[in-house]
Protein backbone atom coordinates (compact mmCIF):
# COMPACT_ATOMS: atom_id res chain seq x y z
CA MET A 1 14.41 65.70 -39.16
CA ARG A 2 17.18 67.38 -36.78
CA ILE A 3 16.59 67.23 -32.94
CA LEU A 4 18.48 69.39 -30.25
CA VAL A 5 18.65 67.53 -27.15
CA ILE A 6 19.86 69.53 -24.47
CA GLU A 7 20.00 67.09 -20.97
CA ASP A 8 22.63 66.61 -18.55
CA ASP A 9 22.06 63.80 -17.14
CA ASP A 10 24.65 60.79 -19.02
CA ARG A 11 22.21 58.32 -19.07
CA ILE A 12 19.10 60.04 -19.85
CA ARG A 13 20.68 62.14 -22.79
CA SER A 14 22.36 58.75 -24.14
CA ASP A 15 18.80 56.92 -23.77
CA LEU A 16 17.00 59.81 -25.59
CA THR A 17 19.88 60.20 -28.34
CA ALA A 18 19.91 56.65 -29.20
CA THR A 19 15.78 56.09 -28.97
CA LEU A 20 15.79 59.23 -31.36
CA GLU A 21 18.15 57.90 -33.64
CA ALA A 22 16.49 54.48 -33.73
CA SER A 23 13.26 56.44 -34.67
CA GLY A 24 14.85 58.27 -37.90
CA TYR A 25 15.62 61.30 -36.24
CA VAL A 26 19.45 63.33 -36.61
CA VAL A 27 20.39 64.32 -33.11
CA ASP A 28 22.45 66.92 -31.62
CA ALA A 29 22.99 66.32 -27.90
CA GLU A 30 24.33 68.64 -25.37
CA SER A 31 25.03 68.61 -21.70
CA ASP A 32 25.97 72.38 -20.62
CA GLY A 33 23.27 75.12 -20.88
CA GLU A 34 25.16 77.32 -22.68
CA GLU A 35 26.23 75.32 -25.53
CA GLY A 36 23.00 73.93 -25.71
CA TRP A 37 21.23 77.53 -26.22
CA HIS A 38 24.07 78.36 -28.93
CA LEU A 39 23.21 75.35 -30.83
CA GLY A 40 19.36 76.53 -30.84
CA ASP A 41 20.27 80.04 -31.76
CA THR A 42 22.62 79.46 -34.32
CA GLU A 43 21.34 76.14 -36.17
CA THR A 44 18.18 74.88 -37.60
CA TYR A 45 16.40 72.21 -35.70
CA ALA A 46 12.90 70.64 -36.18
CA ALA A 47 12.57 70.55 -32.44
CA ALA A 48 13.88 70.74 -28.88
CA ILE A 49 13.99 68.47 -25.75
CA LEU A 50 15.04 70.80 -23.04
CA ASP A 51 15.93 69.90 -19.90
CA LEU A 52 15.31 72.60 -17.01
CA GLY A 53 18.05 71.94 -14.54
CA LEU A 54 21.02 72.45 -16.60
CA PRO A 55 24.54 73.62 -15.94
CA THR A 56 25.87 76.94 -16.56
CA LEU A 57 22.46 78.16 -17.84
CA ASP A 58 19.22 76.69 -16.84
CA GLY A 59 16.57 75.41 -19.33
CA LEU A 60 14.00 78.18 -18.42
CA SER A 61 16.24 81.06 -19.23
CA ILE A 62 17.43 79.20 -22.51
CA LEU A 63 13.67 79.23 -23.59
CA LYS A 64 13.07 82.61 -22.91
CA ARG A 65 16.20 83.63 -24.88
CA TRP A 66 15.10 81.99 -27.65
CA ARG A 67 11.94 83.16 -27.56
CA ASN A 68 12.74 86.67 -27.31
CA ALA A 69 15.29 86.37 -30.40
CA GLY A 70 11.94 84.90 -32.45
CA ARG A 71 13.46 81.80 -32.52
CA THR A 72 10.31 79.44 -32.83
CA LEU A 73 11.14 75.95 -32.65
CA PRO A 74 8.65 73.62 -30.80
CA VAL A 75 10.43 72.72 -27.53
CA LEU A 76 9.58 69.61 -25.49
CA VAL A 77 10.38 70.52 -21.80
CA LEU A 78 11.75 67.66 -19.24
CA THR A 79 12.06 68.21 -16.20
CA ALA A 80 12.09 66.42 -12.35
CA ARG A 81 10.33 69.44 -11.12
CA GLY A 82 6.69 68.07 -10.69
CA THR A 83 4.90 71.08 -9.37
CA TRP A 84 1.98 72.79 -11.59
CA THR A 85 3.30 76.39 -11.05
CA GLU A 86 6.56 75.14 -12.88
CA ARG A 87 5.01 74.00 -15.54
CA VAL A 88 2.50 77.27 -15.75
CA GLU A 89 5.99 78.85 -15.68
CA GLY A 90 7.80 76.44 -18.42
CA ILE A 91 4.29 76.96 -20.78
CA ASP A 92 4.13 80.92 -19.99
CA ALA A 93 8.01 80.95 -21.52
CA GLY A 94 6.96 79.20 -24.63
CA ALA A 95 7.23 75.39 -24.16
CA ASP A 96 5.07 73.70 -26.34
CA ASP A 97 4.78 70.62 -24.07
CA TYR A 98 5.82 69.35 -20.94
CA LEU A 99 7.10 65.75 -19.72
CA PRO A 100 8.01 65.10 -15.88
CA LYS A 101 10.61 63.09 -15.14
CA PRO A 102 10.79 59.85 -15.10
CA PHE A 103 8.90 59.05 -18.15
CA LYS A 104 8.65 56.03 -20.87
CA MET A 105 10.64 56.79 -24.18
CA GLU A 106 7.22 56.15 -26.00
CA GLU A 107 5.48 58.67 -24.49
CA MET A 108 8.36 61.20 -25.30
CA LEU A 109 8.46 60.12 -28.81
CA ALA A 110 4.68 60.62 -29.15
CA ARG A 111 4.72 64.10 -27.65
CA LEU A 112 7.45 64.94 -29.99
CA ARG A 113 5.77 63.78 -33.17
CA ALA A 114 2.67 65.85 -31.68
CA ILE A 115 4.60 69.06 -31.55
CA LEU A 116 6.18 68.36 -34.83
CA ARG A 117 2.71 68.04 -36.54
CA ARG A 118 1.10 71.27 -34.58
CA SER A 119 4.23 73.36 -35.61
CA ALA A 120 3.62 72.13 -39.27
CA GLY A 121 -0.01 72.76 -39.08
CA HIS A 122 -1.20 68.98 -39.15
CA ALA A 123 -3.82 67.51 -36.69
CA SER A 124 -2.76 63.62 -37.78
CA SER A 125 0.43 61.73 -38.05
CA THR A 126 -0.96 60.87 -41.41
CA ILE A 127 -0.58 63.39 -44.07
CA ARG A 128 -1.72 62.55 -47.38
CA ILE A 129 -1.19 64.32 -50.68
CA GLY A 130 -2.86 63.12 -53.59
CA GLU A 131 -1.78 59.01 -53.96
CA THR A 132 0.91 59.34 -51.70
CA GLU A 133 0.93 59.06 -47.98
CA LEU A 134 3.14 59.65 -45.07
CA ASP A 135 2.75 58.32 -41.97
CA THR A 136 5.19 60.01 -39.16
CA ARG A 137 4.45 57.48 -36.51
CA GLN A 138 5.34 54.72 -38.02
CA MET A 139 7.72 56.59 -40.42
CA ARG A 140 6.55 55.15 -43.72
CA LEU A 141 5.87 56.38 -47.05
CA SER A 142 3.60 54.70 -49.36
CA VAL A 143 1.93 55.46 -52.76
CA ARG A 144 -1.47 53.94 -53.65
CA GLY A 145 -1.41 52.04 -50.46
CA VAL A 146 2.11 50.11 -51.37
CA PRO A 147 4.78 51.08 -48.89
CA ILE A 148 8.14 52.90 -50.64
CA GLY A 149 11.54 51.69 -49.63
CA LEU A 150 13.54 54.57 -48.47
CA SER A 151 16.79 54.93 -46.57
CA PRO A 152 16.90 57.19 -43.19
CA GLN A 153 18.05 60.06 -45.02
CA GLU A 154 15.58 59.62 -47.98
CA TYR A 155 12.69 59.13 -45.56
CA ARG A 156 14.03 62.80 -43.62
CA LEU A 157 14.16 64.42 -46.93
CA ILE A 158 10.53 63.19 -48.05
CA ALA A 159 8.98 63.53 -44.46
CA CYS A 160 10.50 67.18 -44.26
CA LEU A 161 9.36 68.47 -47.46
CA ILE A 162 5.79 66.71 -47.14
CA MET A 163 5.51 68.07 -43.39
CA ASN A 164 6.33 71.58 -45.40
CA LYS A 165 3.83 71.40 -48.25
CA GLY A 166 3.27 74.30 -49.94
CA ARG A 167 6.27 75.97 -48.64
CA ILE A 168 9.72 76.17 -50.81
CA VAL A 169 12.46 74.56 -48.35
CA SER A 170 15.93 75.61 -49.59
CA GLN A 171 18.60 73.28 -50.24
CA GLN A 172 20.65 74.49 -46.88
CA GLU A 173 17.47 73.62 -45.04
CA LEU A 174 17.10 70.24 -46.12
CA ALA A 175 20.79 69.85 -45.17
CA GLU A 176 20.83 71.16 -41.77
CA HIS A 177 17.50 68.75 -41.11
CA LEU A 178 19.17 65.61 -42.87
CA GLN A 179 22.79 65.99 -40.77
CA SER A 180 24.17 66.45 -37.54
CA VAL A 181 26.29 69.89 -36.58
CA HIS A 182 29.32 67.43 -36.30
CA PHE A 183 29.13 66.19 -39.92
CA GLU A 184 30.66 67.91 -42.98
CA ARG A 185 27.87 69.04 -45.48
CA GLU A 186 28.65 68.09 -49.02
CA SER A 187 27.44 70.97 -51.49
CA ASN A 188 25.67 68.35 -53.96
CA ALA A 189 24.24 65.89 -51.19
CA VAL A 190 20.76 67.42 -51.27
CA GLU A 191 20.33 67.70 -54.78
CA VAL A 192 21.64 64.35 -55.40
CA LEU A 193 19.31 62.64 -52.46
CA VAL A 194 16.46 64.54 -54.07
CA GLY A 195 17.27 62.89 -57.24
CA ARG A 196 16.99 59.39 -55.67
CA VAL A 197 13.87 60.07 -54.08
CA ARG A 198 12.08 61.39 -57.00
CA ARG A 199 12.57 58.32 -58.71
CA LYS A 200 10.72 56.35 -56.46
CA LEU A 201 7.56 59.17 -55.98
CA PRO A 202 5.50 59.87 -58.46
CA ILE A 203 6.00 62.25 -61.16
CA GLY A 204 5.97 65.98 -60.27
CA LEU A 205 5.46 65.21 -56.63
CA ILE A 206 8.69 67.07 -55.78
CA GLU A 207 9.00 70.44 -57.79
CA THR A 208 12.46 72.17 -58.41
CA ARG A 209 12.35 76.16 -57.70
CA ARG A 210 15.57 76.93 -59.48
CA GLY A 211 17.41 79.24 -57.24
CA PHE A 212 15.28 78.82 -54.12
CA GLY A 213 14.63 75.11 -53.18
CA TYR A 214 12.36 72.50 -53.46
CA ILE A 215 8.37 72.25 -52.76
CA VAL A 216 6.01 69.78 -52.12
CA ARG A 217 2.24 70.99 -53.43
CA ASP A 218 -1.18 69.41 -52.57
CA GLU A 219 -3.07 69.77 -55.88
CA ASP A 220 -6.30 69.66 -53.61
CA ASP A 221 -5.25 72.72 -52.03
CA ASP A 222 -4.33 74.37 -55.20
CA LYS A 223 -7.69 73.81 -56.62
CA GLN A 224 -9.44 75.24 -53.14
CA ALA A 225 -7.61 78.08 -53.38
CA ASN A 226 -8.28 78.90 -57.11
CA ASP A 227 -11.95 78.13 -56.12
CA VAL A 228 -11.73 80.71 -53.60
CA ALA A 229 -9.92 83.11 -56.06
CA ARG A 230 -13.16 82.41 -58.80
CA ARG A 231 -15.57 83.01 -56.49
CA ARG A 232 -14.06 86.41 -55.52
């Protein structure tokens, strides 16, 4: 999944980027408030990690602009300001969670995973679809308890589809979650990657909706929906 980091401290930004990339995320990192706001306003991200004290445009203003423009990406706010009034102001402006500096990278990752799960409607770090299980904490996919060997890009693709189960995800959205804004996106890269992942997973898990994209459907959810429809 693709994460936007906006942090003006060079060391913290570098540490965040390295930690996130080592954890399987694609990262776009900016130090300038205006540049960071523009990326969040024009690109697609799974979440943003946003410092409040930024040059040219402060983090709180960025957050308010995104929310006023209807941008719903989850936002984890970082700040050296520790007063409860500032935390309340950030949350009221639309932050999903708040992490005061200094912090441990392990806690940052845990909080990021939590807001990603909540935004996708999942309470647990483990998501099951039939015999397939995605563990977002360990970045592992297994079928009938057997781990499936996946490259980082293959994992990001199937994780994005499973996190959005029941919703069609377009090729463009998948491409944006798989690659940084600084890399050129090939037109057929997603289609090739989906083909590779399909060969490693149960038949029919990833469905193609021609002209729209791809979808992972949970048969249990479908059965429940059909049962409700019949009762009506």
